[in-house]
Amino acid sequence: MADSSTPIFRPPGRLSSGNGERRLSRRALLLGAASAVGCTALGGSYAALVEPFWEEWVSVRLDLPGLSPALVGRRILHLSDLHLSSPGEEAFALRVAEHCTRRQPDLIVLTGDFVTAGNPADIERVGRVAAALRARFGVFACLGNHDYYDYTRTLPRTLRYSGIIADRISAALRGGGVEVLRNATRVIQMDGAALQLVGLEDWMLGRFNADAAFARANEALPTIALSHNPDSIVELCRRPCHWVLSGHTHGGQVRLPWIGALRLPLENKRYDAGLFEENGRRMYVNRGLGHLMRVRFNCRPEVTEFTLASGAA
C-alpha cells in the first residue's frame, strides 16, 4: 500500500470522482465547443460581410526621374479589379468612386477586371461606376483578363475570346468619361508639364503587345505603364517606363499570418501585393477593390494614392 503522502497518479483527462466534477467537465467541454463554433461563425461573417466592403487607402510616394517641378506633389489614385457582378458590389464601387472624386486627384488610373463574367447587366454597371469617377486631368484604364472572355458561355465558342466583351466594356468606360489604353500611349499635359501613360492589353490572354504600346512613346518623358497582370514585368522591365501599376492578384484575398496568400493566379508568386523592383523598374500591385468569391481576410480592398516626386525610379 502506498504511503498516504505519495501522490496518486491519474491518467490525463480522467475524472477523479463525483457527479459534480463530471458535470463541470461536460459543461466546460460544451462551453469550449460553443466558443469555437461562435468564433468560427464570427470570423466567417467578418470575412464574408465586413472586410470585402471595408476599403483601405494606401499612400505611396512615386519617384520619377526627370519629373518637372510642376508635377511634384501631384496625386494619382489607382483602382483595380472592381469585378462588378451584383447590385451590392456596384453600390460599394460607387461609394468608393464618389469618395475618389471628392478627393480631387490629378489623375485616376484603373488596371482592369471591371467585370467577372461579361454579363450585359454587369457591363452597364461599369458605365455607371466610370461616370462617378472624375479627376482634374482625366481617368485612364487598361483591361484585365476577365474583360475579354465570355465567362457566361452565351456567345458561340468561336467568339468567346474574340474581343467582343472587351469592346463592350471599353465602350462603357468611354461612355463614362474614361479613356481606355489598349496597347497605346497617352501623353498628359498638366499645367504645361508632361507625364506619359502606356496602357497594355492583358498578358494572360495573349493580347499584350509591348512593341505596339511603346511604338509612339517618348523615352525622354517620365512614364508609367498600366498592365493588369504583374507577370508582365518580365517584359516591361526592358521597356522605357519607370513604374508599372498592376492588379490581378487581389492580394490573394485570404492571407494567413506567417503563411501569406493562400492562392495567387500568377507565374511568379512573389508579386502578390505592394511594391516591387525589377531591373531598375518599380511595380506596384494593387490588392483590388472587388473579388471573385466574396471573402477577404487580412487583405482588405485597396485604393492606392500615389504622390509624384522627383527622383530615381
Protein backbone atom coordinates (compact mmCIF):
# COMPACT_ATOMS: atom_id res chain seq x y z
CA MET A 1 0.00 0.00 0.00
CA ALA A 2 1.25 3.43 -0.94
CA ASP A 3 2.17 5.91 1.71
CA SER A 4 -0.56 8.49 2.29
CA SER A 5 1.86 11.24 1.24
CA THR A 6 2.52 9.59 -2.13
CA PRO A 7 0.75 11.43 -4.98
CA ILE A 8 -1.91 9.34 -6.67
CA PHE A 9 -1.38 9.10 -10.46
CA ARG A 10 -4.45 9.68 -12.58
CA PRO A 11 -4.34 9.37 -16.38
CA PRO A 12 -4.87 12.71 -18.13
CA GLY A 13 -8.49 13.52 -18.77
CA ARG A 14 -9.97 11.08 -16.24
CA LEU A 15 -12.48 12.33 -13.75
CA SER A 16 -11.34 11.74 -10.20
CA SER A 17 -14.72 11.25 -8.61
CA GLY A 18 -18.17 12.63 -8.05
CA ASN A 19 -21.01 13.70 -10.31
CA GLY A 20 -20.23 17.36 -9.69
CA GLU A 21 -16.81 17.11 -11.30
CA ARG A 22 -18.31 15.13 -14.20
CA ARG A 23 -20.97 17.78 -14.78
CA LEU A 24 -18.38 20.54 -14.56
CA SER A 25 -16.15 18.87 -17.15
CA ARG A 26 -19.05 18.34 -19.53
CA ARG A 27 -20.10 21.94 -19.07
CA ALA A 28 -16.54 23.11 -19.79
CA LEU A 29 -16.42 20.92 -22.87
CA LEU A 30 -19.75 22.28 -24.14
CA LEU A 31 -18.70 25.85 -23.44
CA GLY A 32 -15.41 25.30 -25.26
CA ALA A 33 -17.17 23.78 -28.26
CA ALA A 34 -19.72 26.59 -28.33
CA SER A 35 -16.94 29.18 -28.15
CA ALA A 36 -15.08 27.52 -31.02
CA VAL A 37 -18.22 27.41 -33.15
CA GLY A 38 -19.03 31.01 -32.25
CA CYS A 39 -15.54 32.24 -33.12
CA THR A 40 -15.62 30.36 -36.43
CA ALA A 41 -19.02 31.80 -37.30
CA LEU A 42 -17.93 35.30 -36.28
CA GLY A 43 -14.72 35.02 -38.30
CA GLY A 44 -16.63 33.72 -41.30
CA SER A 45 -19.15 36.55 -41.08
CA TYR A 46 -16.35 39.11 -40.85
CA ALA A 47 -14.54 37.62 -43.86
CA ALA A 48 -17.70 37.48 -45.95
CA LEU A 49 -19.66 40.54 -44.85
CA VAL A 50 -17.26 43.12 -43.42
CA GLU A 51 -13.78 43.04 -44.93
CA PRO A 52 -14.85 42.73 -48.62
CA PHE A 53 -16.54 46.14 -48.29
CA TRP A 54 -14.03 47.87 -45.99
CA GLU A 55 -11.52 49.56 -48.26
CA GLU A 56 -8.05 50.63 -47.16
CA TRP A 57 -6.47 53.81 -48.52
CA VAL A 58 -2.73 53.30 -49.03
CA SER A 59 -0.33 56.21 -49.63
CA VAL A 60 2.77 55.63 -51.77
CA ARG A 61 5.47 58.02 -52.96
CA LEU A 62 6.04 57.64 -56.71
CA ASP A 63 9.53 58.83 -57.67
CA LEU A 64 10.06 59.64 -61.34
CA PRO A 65 13.37 60.72 -62.89
CA GLY A 66 13.17 63.92 -64.90
CA LEU A 67 9.85 64.90 -63.38
CA SER A 68 9.02 68.56 -63.91
CA PRO A 69 8.82 70.63 -60.70
CA ALA A 70 5.27 71.50 -61.80
CA LEU A 71 4.28 67.84 -61.29
CA VAL A 72 5.86 67.30 -57.90
CA GLY A 73 3.11 66.66 -55.37
CA ARG A 74 0.51 65.74 -57.98
CA ARG A 75 -1.72 62.85 -56.89
CA ILE A 76 -2.79 59.73 -58.80
CA LEU A 77 -5.47 57.39 -57.46
CA HIS A 78 -5.20 53.75 -58.52
CA LEU A 79 -8.13 51.31 -58.53
CA SER A 80 -8.12 47.75 -59.84
CA ASP A 81 -10.26 44.61 -60.11
CA LEU A 82 -13.72 46.02 -59.44
CA HIS A 83 -15.38 42.73 -60.52
CA LEU A 84 -18.82 44.30 -60.76
CA SER A 85 -21.24 41.38 -60.71
CA SER A 86 -24.05 42.29 -58.29
CA PRO A 87 -26.00 45.34 -57.05
CA GLY A 88 -24.11 45.21 -53.74
CA GLU A 89 -20.73 45.29 -55.44
CA GLU A 90 -21.86 48.16 -57.65
CA ALA A 91 -23.07 50.12 -54.61
CA PHE A 92 -19.70 49.62 -52.90
CA ALA A 93 -17.75 50.63 -56.02
CA LEU A 94 -19.95 53.71 -56.49
CA ARG A 95 -19.34 54.79 -52.89
CA VAL A 96 -15.58 54.43 -53.35
CA ALA A 97 -15.70 56.17 -56.75
CA GLU A 98 -17.56 59.13 -55.30
CA HIS A 99 -15.01 59.34 -52.48
CA CYS A 100 -12.20 59.29 -55.07
CA THR A 101 -13.80 62.16 -56.96
CA ARG A 102 -14.27 64.20 -53.77
CA ARG A 103 -10.53 63.94 -53.10
CA GLN A 104 -9.94 65.88 -56.35
CA PRO A 105 -6.98 63.84 -57.64
CA ASP A 106 -5.00 64.94 -60.65
CA LEU A 107 -5.38 61.54 -62.33
CA ILE A 108 -7.23 58.29 -61.73
CA VAL A 109 -5.95 55.06 -63.26
CA LEU A 110 -7.78 51.73 -63.43
CA THR A 111 -5.99 48.45 -64.11
CA GLY A 112 -8.60 46.04 -65.36
CA ASP A 113 -11.06 43.28 -64.43
CA PHE A 114 -14.09 45.53 -64.37
CA VAL A 115 -16.44 42.53 -64.59
CA THR A 116 -16.29 38.87 -63.67
CA ALA A 117 -18.38 37.03 -66.27
CA GLY A 118 -19.19 39.51 -69.03
CA ASN A 119 -22.92 39.74 -68.37
CA PRO A 120 -24.62 42.67 -70.19
CA ALA A 121 -26.04 43.94 -66.88
CA ASP A 122 -22.54 43.99 -65.37
CA ILE A 123 -21.18 45.96 -68.32
CA GLU A 124 -23.87 48.56 -67.64
CA ARG A 125 -22.63 48.73 -64.05
CA VAL A 126 -19.15 49.53 -65.41
CA GLY A 127 -20.54 52.57 -67.21
CA ARG A 128 -22.27 53.87 -64.09
CA VAL A 129 -19.18 53.49 -61.89
CA ALA A 130 -16.99 55.08 -64.58
CA ALA A 131 -19.31 58.09 -64.72
CA ALA A 132 -18.81 58.63 -60.96
CA LEU A 133 -15.02 58.93 -61.34
CA ARG A 134 -13.57 62.36 -62.07
CA ALA A 135 -10.03 63.73 -61.93
CA ARG A 136 -8.53 67.08 -62.94
CA PHE A 137 -6.59 65.69 -65.91
CA GLY A 138 -8.57 62.59 -66.70
CA VAL A 139 -9.32 58.97 -65.87
CA PHE A 140 -7.41 56.23 -67.74
CA ALA A 141 -7.71 52.45 -67.87
CA CYS A 142 -6.27 49.23 -69.20
CA LEU A 143 -8.20 45.94 -69.33
CA GLY A 144 -7.79 42.66 -67.44
CA ASN A 145 -8.32 39.01 -68.33
CA HIS A 146 -11.96 38.99 -67.16
CA ASP A 147 -12.69 41.86 -69.54
CA TYR A 148 -12.00 39.75 -72.65
CA TYR A 149 -13.65 36.38 -72.22
CA ASP A 150 -17.34 35.46 -72.21
CA TYR A 151 -17.45 33.52 -68.94
CA THR A 152 -21.26 33.34 -69.22
CA ARG A 153 -20.87 30.96 -72.21
CA THR A 154 -23.68 32.80 -74.02
CA LEU A 155 -21.55 33.64 -77.05
CA PRO A 156 -20.69 30.92 -79.57
CA ARG A 157 -17.41 29.19 -78.73
CA THR A 158 -15.64 30.82 -81.68
CA LEU A 159 -16.49 34.29 -80.34
CA ARG A 160 -15.75 33.88 -76.63
CA TYR A 161 -12.16 35.08 -76.99
CA SER A 162 -12.91 37.35 -79.95
CA GLY A 163 -12.71 40.63 -78.05
CA ILE A 164 -16.44 41.39 -78.17
CA ILE A 165 -16.64 41.65 -74.36
CA ALA A 166 -13.55 43.88 -74.26
CA ASP A 167 -15.05 46.15 -76.92
CA ARG A 168 -18.30 46.44 -74.96
CA ILE A 169 -16.50 47.19 -71.70
CA SER A 170 -14.27 49.74 -73.44
CA ALA A 171 -17.37 51.43 -74.85
CA ALA A 172 -18.99 51.52 -71.40
CA LEU A 173 -15.86 53.06 -69.91
CA ARG A 174 -15.61 55.66 -72.66
CA GLY A 175 -19.28 56.47 -72.17
CA GLY A 176 -18.47 57.23 -68.53
CA GLY A 177 -15.59 59.51 -69.49
CA VAL A 178 -12.70 57.02 -69.07
CA GLU A 179 -10.00 56.75 -71.75
CA VAL A 180 -9.04 53.12 -72.39
CA LEU A 181 -5.45 52.44 -73.44
CA ARG A 182 -5.20 49.16 -75.36
CA ASN A 183 -1.52 48.75 -76.26
CA ALA A 184 -1.35 52.52 -76.61
CA THR A 185 0.46 55.59 -75.27
CA ARG A 186 -1.02 58.84 -74.00
CA VAL A 187 0.93 62.00 -73.08
CA ILE A 188 -0.91 64.03 -70.44
CA GLN A 189 -0.27 67.75 -70.15
CA MET A 190 -0.67 69.14 -66.65
CA ASP A 191 -0.13 72.88 -66.38
CA GLY A 192 2.48 72.83 -69.12
CA ALA A 193 4.34 69.71 -67.90
CA ALA A 194 4.07 66.24 -69.43
CA LEU A 195 3.54 62.79 -67.95
CA GLN A 196 3.30 59.70 -70.14
CA LEU A 197 0.97 56.73 -69.61
CA VAL A 198 1.31 53.47 -71.55
CA GLY A 199 -1.61 51.04 -71.30
CA LEU A 200 -1.15 47.35 -72.12
CA GLU A 201 -3.72 44.74 -73.04
CA ASP A 202 -3.90 41.56 -70.99
CA TRP A 203 -0.82 39.37 -70.53
CA MET A 204 -2.63 36.14 -69.69
CA LEU A 205 -4.83 36.07 -72.79
CA GLY A 206 -2.02 36.84 -75.20
CA ARG A 207 -3.18 40.31 -76.24
CA PHE A 208 -0.28 42.07 -74.53
CA ASN A 209 1.83 43.84 -77.21
CA ALA A 210 4.62 46.00 -75.78
CA ASP A 211 6.01 46.79 -79.23
CA ALA A 212 2.72 48.38 -80.28
CA ALA A 213 2.17 50.03 -76.91
CA PHE A 214 5.56 51.76 -76.83
CA ALA A 215 5.79 52.46 -80.57
CA ARG A 216 4.93 56.13 -80.09
CA ALA A 217 6.31 56.57 -76.59
CA ASN A 218 8.71 59.42 -75.90
CA GLU A 219 11.62 57.91 -73.97
CA ALA A 220 12.56 61.33 -72.57
CA LEU A 221 9.30 61.67 -70.61
CA PRO A 222 8.58 60.27 -67.13
CA THR A 223 6.49 57.19 -67.91
CA ILE A 224 4.06 54.97 -66.04
CA ALA A 225 2.80 51.71 -67.56
CA LEU A 226 -0.62 50.26 -66.75
CA SER A 227 -0.65 46.47 -67.04
CA HIS A 228 -3.22 44.28 -65.30
CA ASN A 229 -1.04 41.22 -64.70
CA PRO A 230 2.17 41.66 -62.64
CA ASP A 231 3.84 38.79 -64.51
CA SER A 232 4.21 41.24 -67.40
CA ILE A 233 7.08 42.94 -65.54
CA VAL A 234 9.46 40.45 -67.18
CA GLU A 235 8.80 42.27 -70.46
CA LEU A 236 8.15 45.77 -69.14
CA CYS A 237 11.42 45.97 -67.21
CA ARG A 238 13.09 46.07 -70.64
CA ARG A 239 10.92 48.94 -71.87
CA PRO A 240 11.27 52.73 -71.42
CA CYS A 241 8.96 53.06 -68.41
CA HIS A 242 9.84 53.88 -64.83
CA TRP A 243 6.87 52.43 -62.97
CA VAL A 244 4.32 49.68 -63.65
CA LEU A 245 0.91 49.71 -61.95
CA SER A 246 -0.88 46.36 -61.81
CA GLY A 247 -3.64 44.41 -60.08
CA HIS A 248 -4.99 40.91 -60.85
CA THR A 249 -3.89 39.13 -57.65
CA HIS A 250 -6.47 40.61 -55.22
CA GLY A 251 -3.59 40.17 -52.78
CA GLY A 252 -4.73 36.55 -52.52
CA GLN A 253 -7.97 37.69 -50.77
CA VAL A 254 -7.19 35.44 -47.77
CA ARG A 255 -3.80 35.98 -46.11
CA LEU A 256 -2.86 33.97 -43.05
CA PRO A 257 -0.23 35.09 -40.52
CA TRP A 258 3.25 33.67 -41.26
CA ILE A 259 1.85 31.98 -44.39
CA GLY A 260 0.61 34.80 -46.60
CA ALA A 261 -1.74 34.42 -49.55
CA LEU A 262 -3.32 31.00 -49.96
CA ARG A 263 -3.87 31.32 -53.71
CA LEU A 264 -2.31 33.57 -56.36
CA PRO A 265 -3.12 33.38 -60.12
CA LEU A 266 0.48 34.14 -61.09
CA GLU A 267 3.53 32.51 -62.61
CA ASN A 268 5.76 34.45 -60.19
CA LYS A 269 4.07 34.12 -56.80
CA ARG A 270 6.34 36.80 -55.34
CA TYR A 271 4.28 39.58 -56.89
CA ASP A 272 1.34 39.19 -54.53
CA ALA A 273 0.71 42.79 -53.44
CA GLY A 274 2.55 46.02 -52.78
CA LEU A 275 5.82 47.45 -54.09
CA PHE A 276 8.48 45.53 -56.05
CA GLU A 277 11.59 46.40 -58.02
CA GLU A 278 12.92 44.61 -61.11
CA ASN A 279 15.87 45.73 -63.23
CA GLY A 280 15.54 49.34 -62.15
CA ARG A 281 11.75 49.42 -62.66
CA ARG A 282 9.31 49.73 -59.80
CA MET A 283 5.99 47.94 -59.84
CA TYR A 284 3.05 48.40 -57.53
CA VAL A 285 0.45 45.63 -57.27
CA ASN A 286 -2.92 46.87 -56.02
CA ARG A 287 -4.99 44.37 -53.95
CA GLY A 288 -8.12 45.27 -55.90
CA LEU A 289 -11.47 46.65 -54.89
CA GLY A 290 -13.62 43.62 -55.71
CA HIS A 291 -13.40 39.86 -55.50
CA LEU A 292 -14.22 36.65 -57.36
CA MET A 293 -15.67 34.91 -54.31
CA ARG A 294 -16.95 37.23 -51.60
CA VAL A 295 -14.39 36.56 -48.92
CA ARG A 296 -11.42 38.57 -47.70
CA PHE A 297 -9.34 38.04 -44.60
CA ASN A 298 -6.33 40.12 -43.60
CA CYS A 299 -6.42 41.50 -47.14
CA ARG A 300 -8.75 44.49 -47.37
CA PRO A 301 -9.80 46.05 -50.70
CA GLU A 302 -7.41 48.81 -51.69
CA VAL A 303 -7.33 52.30 -53.12
CA THR A 304 -3.75 53.48 -53.68
CA GLU A 305 -2.91 57.19 -53.64
CA PHE A 306 0.41 57.97 -55.31
CA THR A 307 2.13 61.29 -54.79
CA LEU A 308 4.54 62.23 -57.55
CA ALA A 309 8.11 63.10 -56.56
CA SER A 310 11.29 63.86 -58.45
CA GLY A 311 13.98 61.25 -58.03
CA ALA A 312 15.44 57.98 -59.23
CA ALA A 313 12.92 55.33 -60.22
